[in-house]
């Protein structure tokens, strides 16, 4: 059955067009984003660890929780932000970019707060069970 004239014909996996000249292929783009995401995650975890390890309790558990929750938050935030960008036709107007930043930043900030609360939970429980003298 042939596709209607108003729709483009579907291409099979063997018929896909190669990338245009000057455009990287999918594996290169995916590798670049994965590498940059790993660098951002590692730098944020190291910054939190080195700057706050002597000032706040349970920083090791906080860094561990952040290492688990921040990638998950990034995976959740990316399609949400991209869906919003698609609804506004990928506009680069300042209010649109500000909303995208707020969406992504809010989800990541929520993950950091959740990681901190998760890390402090045993510490707070230990305080509440100890009776003051």
C-alpha atoms as a PDB file:
ATOM      1  CA  UNK A   1       0.000   0.000   0.000  1.00  0.00           C
ATOM      2  CA  UNK A   2       1.522   3.291  -1.108  1.00  0.00           C
ATOM      3  CA  UNK A   3       1.528   6.413   1.045  1.00  0.00           C
ATOM      4  CA  UNK A   4      -0.971   9.125   0.082  1.00  0.00           C
ATOM      5  CA  UNK A   5       0.436  11.860  -2.119  1.00  0.00           C
ATOM      6  CA  UNK A   6       0.122  14.451   0.672  1.00  0.00           C
ATOM      7  CA  UNK A   7       2.418  12.481   3.019  1.00  0.00           C
ATOM      8  CA  UNK A   8       6.107  11.838   2.390  1.00  0.00           C
ATOM      9  CA  UNK A   9       7.056   8.234   1.836  1.00  0.00           C
ATOM     10  CA  UNK A  10       8.484   6.531   4.914  1.00  0.00           C
ATOM     11  CA  UNK A  11      12.077   5.503   4.726  1.00  0.00           C
ATOM     12  CA  UNK A  12      13.304   2.218   6.105  1.00  0.00           C
ATOM     13  CA  UNK A  13      16.438   1.959   8.233  1.00  0.00           C
ATOM     14  CA  UNK A  14      18.594   1.255   5.175  1.00  0.00           C
ATOM     15  CA  UNK A  15      17.148   4.227   3.273  1.00  0.00           C
ATOM     16  CA  UNK A  16      17.828   6.922   5.874  1.00  0.00           C
ATOM     17  CA  UNK A  17      19.658   9.929   4.573  1.00  0.00           C
ATOM     18  CA  UNK A  18      23.206  10.479   5.732  1.00  0.00           C
ATOM     19  CA  UNK A  19      23.799  13.684   7.695  1.00  0.00           C
ATOM     20  CA  UNK A  20      24.309  16.803   5.635  1.00  0.00           C
ATOM     21  CA  UNK A  21      27.794  18.145   5.166  1.00  0.00           C
ATOM     22  CA  UNK A  22      28.922  19.855   8.346  1.00  0.00           C
ATOM     23  CA  UNK A  23      26.317  18.135  10.559  1.00  0.00           C
ATOM     24  CA  UNK A  24      27.498  15.524  13.055  1.00  0.00           C
ATOM     25  CA  UNK A  25      25.831  12.136  13.166  1.00  0.00           C
ATOM     26  CA  UNK A  26      23.583  11.030  16.035  1.00  0.00           C
ATOM     27  CA  UNK A  27      26.271   9.076  17.884  1.00  0.00           C
ATOM     28  CA  UNK A  28      28.573  12.105  17.942  1.00  0.00           C
ATOM     29  CA  UNK A  29      25.832  14.374  19.281  1.00  0.00           C
ATOM     30  CA  UNK A  30      24.801  11.808  21.910  1.00  0.00           C
ATOM     31  CA  UNK A  31      28.415  11.288  22.979  1.00  0.00           C
ATOM     32  CA  UNK A  32      29.001  15.029  23.243  1.00  0.00           C
ATOM     33  CA  UNK A  33      25.911  15.596  25.393  1.00  0.00           C
ATOM     34  CA  UNK A  34      26.710  12.588  27.599  1.00  0.00           C
ATOM     35  CA  UNK A  35      30.288  13.784  28.124  1.00  0.00           C
ATOM     36  CA  UNK A  36      29.217  17.337  28.946  1.00  0.00           C
ATOM     37  CA  UNK A  37      26.499  16.081  31.311  1.00  0.00           C
ATOM     38  CA  UNK A  38      29.015  13.880  33.125  1.00  0.00           C
ATOM     39  CA  UNK A  39      31.430  16.820  33.462  1.00  0.00           C
ATOM     40  CA  UNK A  40      28.702  19.076  34.875  1.00  0.00           C
ATOM     41  CA  UNK A  41      27.606  16.373  37.329  1.00  0.00           C
ATOM     42  CA  UNK A  42      31.170  15.640  38.456  1.00  0.00           C
ATOM     43  CA  UNK A  43      32.024  19.315  38.885  1.00  0.00           C
ATOM     44  CA  UNK A  44      28.851  20.016  40.875  1.00  0.00           C
ATOM     45  CA  UNK A  45      29.445  17.039  43.158  1.00  0.00           C
ATOM     46  CA  UNK A  46      33.085  17.973  43.725  1.00  0.00           C
ATOM     47  CA  UNK A  47      32.156  21.587  44.407  1.00  0.00           C
ATOM     48  CA  UNK A  48      29.537  20.615  46.977  1.00  0.00           C
ATOM     49  CA  UNK A  49      31.915  18.142  48.600  1.00  0.00           C
ATOM     50  CA  UNK A  50      34.949  20.421  48.860  1.00  0.00           C
ATOM     51  CA  UNK A  51      33.108  23.621  49.767  1.00  0.00           C
ATOM     52  CA  UNK A  52      30.673  22.238  52.343  1.00  0.00           C
ATOM     53  CA  UNK A  53      32.192  19.070  53.826  1.00  0.00           C
ATOM     54  CA  UNK A  54      33.437  20.777  57.001  1.00  0.00           C
ATOM     55  CA  UNK A  55      30.541  23.192  57.441  1.00  0.00           C
ATOM     56  CA  UNK A  56      27.433  21.043  57.244  1.00  0.00           C
ATOM     57  CA  UNK A  57      26.593  17.606  58.642  1.00  0.00           C
ATOM     58  CA  UNK A  58      26.062  14.568  56.408  1.00  0.00           C
ATOM     59  CA  UNK A  59      27.710  16.050  53.312  1.00  0.00           C
ATOM     60  CA  UNK A  60      29.035  12.669  52.156  1.00  0.00           C
ATOM     61  CA  UNK A  61      25.492  11.271  52.132  1.00  0.00           C
ATOM     62  CA  UNK A  62      24.243  14.438  50.430  1.00  0.00           C
ATOM     63  CA  UNK A  63      26.814  14.093  47.632  1.00  0.00           C
ATOM     64  CA  UNK A  64      25.905  10.425  47.197  1.00  0.00           C
ATOM     65  CA  UNK A  65      22.197  11.264  47.044  1.00  0.00           C
ATOM     66  CA  UNK A  66      22.910  14.060  44.562  1.00  0.00           C
ATOM     67  CA  UNK A  67      24.903  11.627  42.416  1.00  0.00           C
ATOM     68  CA  UNK A  68      21.808   9.430  42.256  1.00  0.00           C
ATOM     69  CA  UNK A  69      19.100  12.083  41.919  1.00  0.00           C
ATOM     70  CA  UNK A  70      20.640  14.728  39.624  1.00  0.00           C
ATOM     71  CA  UNK A  71      20.982  12.450  36.563  1.00  0.00           C
ATOM     72  CA  UNK A  72      17.426  11.249  37.119  1.00  0.00           C
ATOM     73  CA  UNK A  73      16.229  14.854  37.370  1.00  0.00           C
ATOM     74  CA  UNK A  74      18.076  15.689  34.153  1.00  0.00           C
ATOM     75  CA  UNK A  75      16.410  12.785  32.366  1.00  0.00           C
ATOM     76  CA  UNK A  76      13.017  13.995  33.595  1.00  0.00           C
ATOM     77  CA  UNK A  77      13.646  17.706  32.945  1.00  0.00           C
ATOM     78  CA  UNK A  78      14.953  17.353  29.394  1.00  0.00           C
ATOM     79  CA  UNK A  79      11.758  16.059  27.718  1.00  0.00           C
ATOM     80  CA  UNK A  80       9.613  18.480  29.747  1.00  0.00           C
ATOM     81  CA  UNK A  81      11.739  21.432  28.646  1.00  0.00           C
ATOM     82  CA  UNK A  82      11.884  20.191  25.056  1.00  0.00           C
ATOM     83  CA  UNK A  83       8.095  19.762  24.989  1.00  0.00           C
ATOM     84  CA  UNK A  84       7.677  23.349  26.142  1.00  0.00           C
ATOM     85  CA  UNK A  85      10.205  24.507  23.539  1.00  0.00           C
ATOM     86  CA  UNK A  86       8.267  22.657  20.842  1.00  0.00           C
ATOM     87  CA  UNK A  87       5.007  24.310  21.882  1.00  0.00           C
ATOM     88  CA  UNK A  88       6.555  27.762  21.362  1.00  0.00           C
ATOM     89  CA  UNK A  89       8.204  26.738  18.077  1.00  0.00           C
ATOM     90  CA  UNK A  90      11.717  26.731  19.580  1.00  0.00           C
ATOM     91  CA  UNK A  91      11.632  30.485  20.076  1.00  0.00           C
ATOM     92  CA  UNK A  92      14.738  32.208  21.392  1.00  0.00           C
ATOM     93  CA  UNK A  93      12.819  35.160  22.833  1.00  0.00           C
ATOM     94  CA  UNK A  94      13.991  36.121  26.304  1.00  0.00           C
ATOM     95  CA  UNK A  95      10.757  35.206  28.156  1.00  0.00           C
ATOM     96  CA  UNK A  96      10.693  31.771  26.503  1.00  0.00           C
ATOM     97  CA  UNK A  97      14.322  31.062  27.366  1.00  0.00           C
ATOM     98  CA  UNK A  98      13.681  32.294  30.925  1.00  0.00           C
ATOM     99  CA  UNK A  99      10.770  29.859  31.316  1.00  0.00           C
ATOM    100  CA  UNK A 100      12.904  27.009  29.939  1.00  0.00           C
ATOM    101  CA  UNK A 101      15.682  27.908  32.375  1.00  0.00           C
ATOM    102  CA  UNK A 102      13.171  28.037  35.229  1.00  0.00           C
ATOM    103  CA  UNK A 103      11.733  24.635  34.287  1.00  0.00           C
ATOM    104  CA  UNK A 104      15.096  22.920  34.073  1.00  0.00           C
ATOM    105  CA  UNK A 105      16.645  24.768  37.001  1.00  0.00           C
ATOM    106  CA  UNK A 106      13.606  24.195  39.183  1.00  0.00           C
ATOM    107  CA  UNK A 107      13.667  20.453  38.602  1.00  0.00           C
ATOM    108  CA  UNK A 108      17.407  20.282  39.315  1.00  0.00           C
ATOM    109  CA  UNK A 109      17.032  22.459  42.425  1.00  0.00           C
ATOM    110  CA  UNK A 110      14.236  20.190  43.608  1.00  0.00           C
ATOM    111  CA  UNK A 111      16.542  17.202  43.183  1.00  0.00           C
ATOM    112  CA  UNK A 112      19.243  18.914  45.255  1.00  0.00           C
ATOM    113  CA  UNK A 113      16.759  19.750  48.027  1.00  0.00           C
ATOM    114  CA  UNK A 114      15.403  16.198  47.977  1.00  0.00           C
ATOM    115  CA  UNK A 115      18.961  14.815  48.119  1.00  0.00           C
ATOM    116  CA  UNK A 116      19.790  17.007  51.120  1.00  0.00           C
ATOM    117  CA  UNK A 117      16.603  16.043  52.971  1.00  0.00           C
ATOM    118  CA  UNK A 118      17.217  12.384  52.154  1.00  0.00           C
ATOM    119  CA  UNK A 119      20.789  12.632  53.460  1.00  0.00           C
ATOM    120  CA  UNK A 120      19.762  14.403  56.682  1.00  0.00           C
ATOM    121  CA  UNK A 121      16.999  11.983  57.531  1.00  0.00           C
ATOM    122  CA  UNK A 122      19.144   9.539  59.586  1.00  0.00           C
ATOM    123  CA  UNK A 123      21.012  12.435  61.182  1.00  0.00           C
ATOM    124  CA  UNK A 124      17.787  14.149  62.272  1.00  0.00           C
ATOM    125  CA  UNK A 125      16.367  10.847  63.514  1.00  0.00           C
ATOM    126  CA  UNK A 126      19.479  10.383  65.663  1.00  0.00           C
ATOM    127  CA  UNK A 127      18.996  13.834  67.177  1.00  0.00           C
ATOM    128  CA  UNK A 128      15.339  13.330  67.988  1.00  0.00           C
ATOM    129  CA  UNK A 129      15.939  10.028  69.818  1.00  0.00           C
ATOM    130  CA  UNK A 130      18.720  11.407  72.014  1.00  0.00           C
ATOM    131  CA  UNK A 131      17.341  12.809  75.232  1.00  0.00           C
ATOM    132  CA  UNK A 132      18.903  16.059  76.431  1.00  0.00           C
ATOM    133  CA  UNK A 133      20.732  15.847  79.751  1.00  0.00           C
END
